[in-house]
C-alpha atoms as a PDB file:
ATOM      1  CA  MET A   1      11.338 -57.675   0.056  1.00  0.00           C
ATOM      2  CA  ILE A   2      14.951 -56.506  -0.218  1.00  0.00           C
ATOM      3  CA  PRO A   3      17.314 -57.605   2.628  1.00  0.00           C
ATOM      4  CA  ILE A   4      19.103 -54.263   2.452  1.00  0.00           C
ATOM      5  CA  PHE A   5      21.409 -54.652   5.440  1.00  0.00           C
ATOM      6  CA  SER A   6      22.374 -58.213   4.508  1.00  0.00           C
ATOM      7  CA  ILE A   7      23.367 -56.997   1.038  1.00  0.00           C
ATOM      8  CA  LEU A   8      25.399 -54.107   2.464  1.00  0.00           C
ATOM      9  CA  SER A   9      27.078 -56.464   4.945  1.00  0.00           C
ATOM     10  CA  ALA A  10      27.960 -58.920   2.187  1.00  0.00           C
ATOM     11  CA  PHE A  11      29.544 -56.149   0.107  1.00  0.00           C
ATOM     12  CA  ILE A  12      31.642 -54.865   3.025  1.00  0.00           C
ATOM     13  CA  ALA A  13      32.620 -58.435   3.997  1.00  0.00           C
ATOM     14  CA  VAL A  14      33.921 -59.135   0.476  1.00  0.00           C
ATOM     15  CA  VAL A  15      35.945 -55.905   0.423  1.00  0.00           C
ATOM     16  CA  GLN A  16      37.436 -56.636   3.849  1.00  0.00           C
ATOM     17  CA  PHE A  17      38.261 -60.220   2.846  1.00  0.00           C
ATOM     18  CA  ILE A  18      40.054 -59.001  -0.298  1.00  0.00           C
ATOM     19  CA  CYS A  19      42.091 -56.668   1.941  1.00  0.00           C
ATOM     20  CA  PHE A  20      42.854 -59.622   4.210  1.00  0.00           C
ATOM     21  CA  LEU A  21      44.078 -61.702   1.269  1.00  0.00           C
ATOM     22  CA  LYS A  22      46.290 -58.869   0.034  1.00  0.00           C
ATOM     23  CA  LEU A  23      47.887 -58.394   3.447  1.00  0.00           C
ATOM     24  CA  TYR A  24      48.151 -62.134   4.096  1.00  0.00           C
ATOM     25  CA  LEU A  25      49.966 -62.734   0.795  1.00  0.00           C
ATOM     26  CA  SER A  26      52.267 -59.814   1.623  1.00  0.00           C
ATOM     27  CA  TYR A  27      52.904 -61.350   5.047  1.00  0.00           C
ATOM     28  CA  GLN A  28      53.769 -64.689   3.434  1.00  0.00           C
ATOM     29  CA  LYS A  29      56.435 -62.923   1.355  1.00  0.00           C
ATOM     30  CA  THR A  30      57.895 -60.596   3.983  1.00  0.00           C
ATOM     31  CA  LYS A  31      57.162 -62.428   7.262  1.00  0.00           C
ATOM     32  CA  THR A  32      56.645 -58.997   8.835  1.00  0.00           C
ATOM     33  CA  GLU A  33      54.690 -59.574  12.031  1.00  0.00           C
ATOM     34  CA  LEU A  34      52.750 -56.315  11.868  1.00  0.00           C
ATOM     35  CA  ILE A  35      51.468 -57.170   8.394  1.00  0.00           C
ATOM     36  CA  GLY A  36      50.324 -60.514   9.736  1.00  0.00           C
ATOM     37  CA  GLU A  37      48.570 -58.875  12.678  1.00  0.00           C
ATOM     38  CA  PHE A  38      46.772 -56.360  10.492  1.00  0.00           C
ATOM     39  CA  SER A  39      45.735 -59.173   8.155  1.00  0.00           C
ATOM     40  CA  LYS A  40      43.960 -60.719  11.166  1.00  0.00           C
ATOM     41  CA  VAL A  41      42.099 -57.444  11.736  1.00  0.00           C
ATOM     42  CA  PHE A  42      40.756 -57.578   8.179  1.00  0.00           C
ATOM     43  CA  LEU A  43      39.978 -61.287   8.514  1.00  0.00           C
ATOM     44  CA  PHE A  44      37.944 -60.781  11.688  1.00  0.00           C
ATOM     45  CA  LEU A  45      36.223 -57.731  10.192  1.00  0.00           C
ATOM     46  CA  SER A  46      35.269 -59.773   7.124  1.00  0.00           C
ATOM     47  CA  LEU A  47      33.848 -62.463   9.412  1.00  0.00           C
ATOM     48  CA  PHE A  48      32.030 -59.830  11.480  1.00  0.00           C
ATOM     49  CA  TRP A  49      30.314 -58.438   8.373  1.00  0.00           C
ATOM     50  CA  GLY A  50      29.983 -61.889   6.835  1.00  0.00           C
ATOM     51  CA  PHE A  51      27.856 -63.195   9.697  1.00  0.00           C
ATOM     52  CA  LEU A  52      25.697 -60.065   9.513  1.00  0.00           C
ATOM     53  CA  ALA A  53      25.161 -60.849   5.826  1.00  0.00           C
ATOM     54  CA  LEU A  54      23.748 -64.353   6.359  1.00  0.00           C
ATOM     55  CA  PRO A  55      20.070 -63.475   7.021  1.00  0.00           C
ATOM     56  CA  LYS A  56      17.970 -64.134   3.916  1.00  0.00           C
ATOM     57  CA  ILE A  57      21.039 -64.496   1.675  1.00  0.00           C
ATOM     58  CA  VAL A  58      22.043 -67.812   3.293  1.00  0.00           C
ATOM     59  CA  VAL A  59      19.647 -68.610   6.149  1.00  0.00           C
ATOM     60  CA  ASN A  60      15.987 -67.888   6.863  1.00  0.00           C
ATOM     61  CA  ASN A  61      15.549 -69.715  10.169  1.00  0.00           C
ATOM     62  CA  LEU A  62      15.198 -67.071  12.887  1.00  0.00           C
ATOM     63  CA  LYS A  63      17.245 -69.018  15.443  1.00  0.00           C
ATOM     64  CA  LEU A  64      20.082 -69.508  12.965  1.00  0.00           C
ATOM     65  CA  ILE A  65      19.902 -65.810  12.153  1.00  0.00           C
ATOM     66  CA  GLN A  66      20.216 -65.033  15.870  1.00  0.00           C
ATOM     67  CA  ILE A  67      23.289 -67.278  16.081  1.00  0.00           C
ATOM     68  CA  SER A  68      24.825 -65.490  13.103  1.00  0.00           C
ATOM     69  CA  LEU A  69      24.248 -62.112  14.786  1.00  0.00           C
ATOM     70  CA  ASP A  70      25.850 -63.407  18.003  1.00  0.00           C
ATOM     71  CA  LEU A  71      28.849 -64.751  16.082  1.00  0.00           C
ATOM     72  CA  GLY A  72      29.209 -61.395  14.348  1.00  0.00           C
ATOM     73  CA  LEU A  73      29.453 -59.682  17.734  1.00  0.00           C
ATOM     74  CA  PHE A  74      32.074 -62.211  18.842  1.00  0.00           C
ATOM     75  CA  PHE A  75      34.300 -61.470  15.845  1.00  0.00           C
ATOM     76  CA  GLY A  76      33.822 -57.793  16.611  1.00  0.00           C
ATOM     77  CA  PHE A  77      35.425 -58.418  20.013  1.00  0.00           C
ATOM     78  CA  LEU A  78      38.324 -60.254  18.334  1.00  0.00           C
ATOM     79  CA  THR A  79      38.823 -57.257  16.055  1.00  0.00           C
ATOM     80  CA  MET A  80      38.890 -54.895  19.028  1.00  0.00           C
ATOM     81  CA  ALA A  81      41.414 -57.135  20.799  1.00  0.00           C
ATOM     82  CA  TYR A  82      43.861 -56.716  17.919  1.00  0.00           C
ATOM     83  CA  PHE A  83      43.177 -52.996  17.672  1.00  0.00           C
ATOM     84  CA  LEU A  84      44.295 -52.803  21.316  1.00  0.00           C
ATOM     85  CA  PHE A  85      47.339 -54.960  20.639  1.00  0.00           C
ATOM     86  CA  ILE A  86      48.757 -53.462  17.435  1.00  0.00           C
ATOM     87  CA  PRO A  87      49.478 -49.789  18.346  1.00  0.00           C
ATOM     88  CA  PHE A  88      51.789 -50.898  21.136  1.00  0.00           C
ATOM     89  CA  ARG A  89      53.874 -52.779  18.587  1.00  0.00           C
ATOM     90  CA  ILE A  90      53.838 -49.883  16.118  1.00  0.00           C
ATOM     91  CA  TYR A  91      54.413 -46.840  18.289  1.00  0.00           C
ATOM     92  CA  TYR A  92      55.539 -47.987  21.721  1.00  0.00           C
ATOM     93  CA  HIS A  93      57.821 -50.872  20.663  1.00  0.00           C
ATOM     94  CA  ARG A  94      56.586 -53.207  23.346  1.00  0.00           C
ATOM     95  CA  ILE A  95      53.992 -55.900  23.744  1.00  0.00           C
ATOM     96  CA  PHE A  96      50.508 -54.921  24.853  1.00  0.00           C
ATOM     97  CA  PRO A  97      49.745 -56.700  28.164  1.00  0.00           C
ATOM     98  CA  LYS A  98      48.586 -60.160  27.161  1.00  0.00           C
ATOM     99  CA  SER A  99      46.253 -60.282  30.140  1.00  0.00           C
ATOM    100  CA  LEU A 100      44.223 -57.376  28.692  1.00  0.00           C
ATOM    101  CA  PHE A 101      44.302 -58.921  25.220  1.00  0.00           C
ATOM    102  CA  PHE A 102      42.962 -62.232  26.507  1.00  0.00           C
ATOM    103  CA  THR A 103      40.469 -60.429  28.763  1.00  0.00           C
ATOM    104  CA  THR A 104      38.959 -58.777  25.677  1.00  0.00           C
ATOM    105  CA  VAL A 105      38.811 -62.111  23.845  1.00  0.00           C
ATOM    106  CA  SER A 106      37.370 -63.800  26.944  1.00  0.00           C
ATOM    107  CA  LEU A 107      34.633 -61.157  27.206  1.00  0.00           C
ATOM    108  CA  GLY A 108      33.656 -61.930  23.634  1.00  0.00           C
ATOM    109  CA  ILE A 109      33.609 -65.669  24.333  1.00  0.00           C
ATOM    110  CA  ALA A 110      31.615 -65.252  27.557  1.00  0.00           C
ATOM    111  CA  ILE A 111      28.990 -63.062  25.881  1.00  0.00           C
ATOM    112  CA  LEU A 112      28.772 -65.491  22.944  1.00  0.00           C
ATOM    113  CA  ILE A 113      28.265 -68.499  25.242  1.00  0.00           C
ATOM    114  CA  PHE A 114      25.672 -66.641  27.324  1.00  0.00           C
ATOM    115  CA  ASN A 115      23.769 -65.615  24.198  1.00  0.00           C
ATOM    116  CA  ILE A 116      23.834 -69.139  22.758  1.00  0.00           C
ATOM    117  CA  LEU A 117      22.649 -70.651  26.056  1.00  0.00           C
ATOM    118  CA  ASN A 118      19.778 -68.150  26.134  1.00  0.00           C
ATOM    119  CA  LEU A 119      19.042 -68.391  22.432  1.00  0.00           C
ATOM    120  CA  LYS A 120      15.795 -66.930  21.123  1.00  0.00           C
ATOM    121  CA  PRO A 121      14.614 -66.417  17.542  1.00  0.00           C
ATOM    122  CA  ALA A 122      15.793 -63.146  16.013  1.00  0.00           C
ATOM    123  CA  PHE A 123      13.309 -60.367  15.362  1.00  0.00           C
ATOM    124  CA  ILE A 124      12.237 -59.686  11.781  1.00  0.00           C
ATOM    125  CA  HIS A 125      11.340 -56.160  10.668  1.00  0.00           C
ATOM    126  CA  PHE A 126       9.749 -54.650   7.582  1.00  0.00           C
ATOM    127  CA  GLN A 127      10.313 -51.096   6.401  1.00  0.00           C
ATOM    128  CA  ASN A 128       8.684 -50.114   3.104  1.00  0.00           C
ATOM    129  CA  ASN A 129      10.229 -52.568   0.600  1.00  0.00           C
ATOM    130  CA  PHE A 130      13.027 -53.614   2.943  1.00  0.00           C
ATOM    131  CA  VAL A 131      13.313 -56.527   5.337  1.00  0.00           C
ATOM    132  CA  PHE A 132      15.947 -56.822   8.049  1.00  0.00           C
ATOM    133  CA  TRP A 133      16.616 -58.618  11.311  1.00  0.00           C
ATOM    134  CA  SER A 134      17.692 -57.610  14.786  1.00  0.00           C
ATOM    135  CA  GLU A 135      19.059 -59.571  17.725  1.00  0.00           C
ATOM    136  CA  ASN A 136      16.650 -60.960  20.285  1.00  0.00           C
ATOM    137  CA  ARG A 137      18.638 -60.659  23.496  1.00  0.00           C
ATOM    138  CA  ASN A 138      17.926 -59.559  27.013  1.00  0.00           C
ATOM    139  CA  LEU A 139      17.934 -55.749  26.938  1.00  0.00           C
ATOM    140  CA  LEU A 140      20.452 -55.543  29.789  1.00  0.00           C
ATOM    141  CA  VAL A 141      22.790 -58.006  28.024  1.00  0.00           C
ATOM    142  CA  ASN A 142      22.519 -55.971  24.840  1.00  0.00           C
ATOM    143  CA  ILE A 143      23.340 -52.746  26.664  1.00  0.00           C
ATOM    144  CA  ILE A 144      26.260 -54.341  28.536  1.00  0.00           C
ATOM    145  CA  SER A 145      27.603 -55.780  25.260  1.00  0.00           C
ATOM    146  CA  GLY A 146      27.317 -52.411  23.553  1.00  0.00           C
ATOM    147  CA  VAL A 147      28.942 -50.519  26.436  1.00  0.00           C
ATOM    148  CA  LEU A 148      31.842 -52.981  26.764  1.00  0.00           C
ATOM    149  CA  PHE A 149      32.405 -53.027  23.016  1.00  0.00           C
ATOM    150  CA  SER A 150      32.343 -49.236  22.913  1.00  0.00           C
ATOM    151  CA  LEU A 151      34.744 -48.796  25.842  1.00  0.00           C
ATOM    152  CA  ILE A 152      37.246 -51.220  24.315  1.00  0.00           C
ATOM    153  CA  GLY A 153      36.936 -49.489  20.949  1.00  0.00           C
ATOM    154  CA  PHE A 154      37.505 -45.997  22.350  1.00  0.00           C
ATOM    155  CA  LEU A 155      40.503 -47.255  24.346  1.00  0.00           C
ATOM    156  CA  ALA A 156      42.020 -48.776  21.198  1.00  0.00           C
ATOM    157  CA  ALA A 157      41.367 -45.545  19.288  1.00  0.00           C
ATOM    158  CA  LEU A 158      43.105 -43.566  22.044  1.00  0.00           C
ATOM    159  CA  PHE A 159      46.213 -45.764  21.792  1.00  0.00           C
ATOM    160  CA  PHE A 160      46.395 -45.234  18.029  1.00  0.00           C
ATOM    161  CA  TYR A 161      45.841 -41.491  18.335  1.00  0.00           C
ATOM    162  CA  LEU A 162      48.467 -40.943  21.034  1.00  0.00           C
ATOM    163  CA  GLY A 163      50.896 -43.209  19.209  1.00  0.00           C
ATOM    164  CA  GLY A 164      50.405 -41.290  15.980  1.00  0.00           C
ATOM    165  CA  LEU A 165      51.257 -38.035  17.748  1.00  0.00           C
ATOM    166  CA  LYS A 166      54.652 -39.491  18.642  1.00  0.00           C
ATOM    167  CA  SER A 167      55.717 -39.827  15.001  1.00  0.00           C
ATOM    168  CA  SER A 168      57.420 -36.950  13.164  1.00  0.00           C
ATOM    169  CA  GLU A 169      56.400 -38.306   9.743  1.00  0.00           C
ATOM    170  CA  LYS A 170      53.193 -36.805   8.368  1.00  0.00           C
ATOM    171  CA  LYS A 171      52.061 -39.940   6.553  1.00  0.00           C
ATOM    172  CA  VAL A 172      52.485 -42.026   9.684  1.00  0.00           C
ATOM    173  CA  ARG A 173      50.493 -39.513  11.732  1.00  0.00           C
ATOM    174  CA  PHE A 174      47.745 -39.259   9.140  1.00  0.00           C
ATOM    175  CA  ARG A 175      47.549 -43.029   8.876  1.00  0.00           C
ATOM    176  CA  ALA A 176      47.239 -43.282  12.658  1.00  0.00           C
ATOM    177  CA  PHE A 177      44.466 -40.680  12.677  1.00  0.00           C
ATOM    178  CA  LEU A 178      42.600 -42.481   9.885  1.00  0.00           C
ATOM    179  CA  ILE A 179      42.807 -45.751  11.815  1.00  0.00           C
ATOM    180  CA  THR A 180      41.669 -43.891  14.938  1.00  0.00           C
ATOM    181  CA  ALA A 181      38.642 -42.562  13.046  1.00  0.00           C
ATOM    182  CA  SER A 182      37.972 -46.061  11.717  1.00  0.00           C
ATOM    183  CA  ILE A 183      38.025 -47.562  15.204  1.00  0.00           C
ATOM    184  CA  ILE A 184      35.860 -44.800  16.696  1.00  0.00           C
ATOM    185  CA  CYS A 185      33.167 -45.482  14.083  1.00  0.00           C
ATOM    186  CA  ILE A 186      32.846 -49.078  15.323  1.00  0.00           C
ATOM    187  CA  PRO A 187      31.928 -48.376  18.995  1.00  0.00           C
ATOM    188  CA  LEU A 188      29.723 -45.484  17.875  1.00  0.00           C
ATOM    189  CA  ALA A 189      27.894 -47.872  15.564  1.00  0.00           C
ATOM    190  CA  SER A 190      27.565 -50.548  18.234  1.00  0.00           C
ATOM    191  CA  GLY A 191      26.406 -48.009  20.813  1.00  0.00           C
ATOM    192  CA  ILE A 192      23.751 -46.634  18.491  1.00  0.00           C
ATOM    193  CA  ARG A 193      22.643 -50.086  17.438  1.00  0.00           C
ATOM    194  CA  PHE A 194      22.805 -52.049  20.708  1.00  0.00           C
ATOM    195  CA  VAL A 195      22.106 -49.378  23.314  1.00  0.00           C
ATOM    196  CA  PHE A 196      19.762 -47.007  21.497  1.00  0.00           C
ATOM    197  CA  GLY A 197      18.331 -49.395  18.913  1.00  0.00           C
ATOM    198  CA  SER A 198      15.834 -50.739  21.408  1.00  0.00           C
ATOM    199  CA  LEU A 199      14.802 -47.226  22.475  1.00  0.00           C
ATOM    200  CA  PHE A 200      14.372 -45.555  19.088  1.00  0.00           C
ATOM    201  CA  ASN A 201      13.317 -46.520  15.570  1.00  0.00           C
ATOM    202  CA  ILE A 202      15.106 -49.784  14.824  1.00  0.00           C
ATOM    203  CA  PHE A 203      15.461 -49.098  11.085  1.00  0.00           C
ATOM    204  CA  THR A 204      16.971 -45.647  11.635  1.00  0.00           C
ATOM    205  CA  SER A 205      19.412 -46.827  14.309  1.00  0.00           C
ATOM    206  CA  THR A 206      20.482 -49.787  12.154  1.00  0.00           C
ATOM    207  CA  LEU A 207      20.914 -47.559   9.102  1.00  0.00           C
ATOM    208  CA  VAL A 208      23.070 -45.076  11.030  1.00  0.00           C
ATOM    209  CA  ALA A 209      25.150 -47.946  12.441  1.00  0.00           C
ATOM    210  CA  PHE A 210      25.711 -49.335   8.951  1.00  0.00           C
ATOM    211  CA  ILE A 211      26.734 -45.951   7.581  1.00  0.00           C
ATOM    212  CA  LEU A 212      29.294 -45.657  10.378  1.00  0.00           C
ATOM    213  CA  GLY A 213      30.449 -49.209   9.616  1.00  0.00           C
ATOM    214  CA  ILE A 214      30.954 -48.348   5.947  1.00  0.00           C
ATOM    215  CA  PHE A 215      32.989 -45.265   6.880  1.00  0.00           C
ATOM    216  CA  SER A 216      35.029 -47.396   9.294  1.00  0.00           C
ATOM    217  CA  ALA A 217      35.868 -49.912   6.571  1.00  0.00           C
ATOM    218  CA  LEU A 218      36.690 -47.103   4.132  1.00  0.00           C
ATOM    219  CA  PHE A 219      38.985 -45.244   6.560  1.00  0.00           C
ATOM    220  CA  LEU A 220      40.860 -48.418   7.501  1.00  0.00           C
ATOM    221  CA  THR A 221      41.336 -49.526   3.890  1.00  0.00           C
ATOM    222  CA  ILE A 222      42.631 -46.089   2.857  1.00  0.00           C
ATOM    223  CA  ALA A 223      44.952 -45.942   5.861  1.00  0.00           C
ATOM    224  CA  ILE A 224      46.553 -49.325   5.217  1.00  0.00           C
ATOM    225  CA  PHE A 225      46.846 -49.297   1.440  1.00  0.00           C
ATOM    226  CA  PHE A 226      47.254 -45.646   0.448  1.00  0.00           C
ATOM    227  CA  PHE A 227      49.445 -44.105   3.142  1.00  0.00           C
ATOM    228  CA  LYS A 228      52.848 -45.737   3.236  1.00  0.00           C
ATOM    229  CA  PRO A 229      55.735 -44.265   5.240  1.00  0.00           C
ATOM    230  CA  LYS A 230      58.774 -42.945   3.397  1.00  0.00           C
ATOM    231  CA  THR A 231      60.921 -45.359   5.366  1.00  0.00           C
ATOM    232  CA  LYS A 232      59.324 -48.266   3.480  1.00  0.00           C
ATOM    233  CA  LYS A 233      58.569 -49.895   6.780  1.00  0.00           C
ATOM    234  CA  LEU A 234      54.926 -50.803   6.941  1.00  0.00           C
ATOM    235  CA  PHE A 235      53.777 -48.447   9.649  1.00  0.00           C
ATOM    236  CA  TYR A 236      56.466 -46.443  11.365  1.00  0.00           C
ATOM    237  CA  LYS A 237      60.010 -45.355  11.731  1.00  0.00           C
ATOM    238  CA  LYS A 238      61.603 -45.588  15.120  1.00  0.00           C
ATOM    239  CA  ILE A 239      60.731 -42.858  17.531  1.00  0.00           C
ATOM    240  CA  TYR A 240      62.401 -41.353  20.547  1.00  0.00           C
ATOM    241  CA  GLY A 241      65.167 -39.916  18.309  1.00  0.00           C
ATOM    242  CA  GLU A 242      66.655 -43.271  17.344  1.00  0.00           C
ATOM    243  CA  GLU A 243      68.348 -43.839  14.012  1.00  0.00           C
ATOM    244  CA  GLU A 244      66.718 -45.950  11.308  1.00  0.00           C
END
């Protein structure tokens, strides 16, 4: 049986980790804070996908697989926390309220602890020649996790979108819109997987979520590495009519 979703997760995790290394090495040279913050986004995304890749490839024990799925969700919350934080630095030139940043991280920690304390073996599924696993959580907890994750993701996407509109440079705007699309794919995927996965065909909902996840990774990678502002600053030139 082919662990299709584990293989896809492993591939995406490797790509995201390579992006992290590229940005991290750039940060070590330039000491530009925004590069360092975006490197953390790619690091947490690589960990998110990496933990989803563990079933069958690394572990077979259903309880360990459940833990890996819970850890993946936790790193998803960390990713969303930075997606909330970064656009304020790029477009608004001020610090995102730390209370909201830590609230997002705390939500991820609280859900992780609750899931670990109520640990159950993950579900195993078979579809034709494929095998895959899904989380075994209380349905209400799964729905709450999916809704919270989605709301945070859409809020982060809104900040990037509105910030991008403030820039007069086309590449900056297009980069912001690509990142917005990337972020939107994540809560859509989590909503489909966590909220509707238990109501509809689990293979179909997981497949759709993975397709959205692949598009998210693709959009973000293109935005960061292929759309650089003319100003040679990483993300933006000053707005509000200020001089460079």
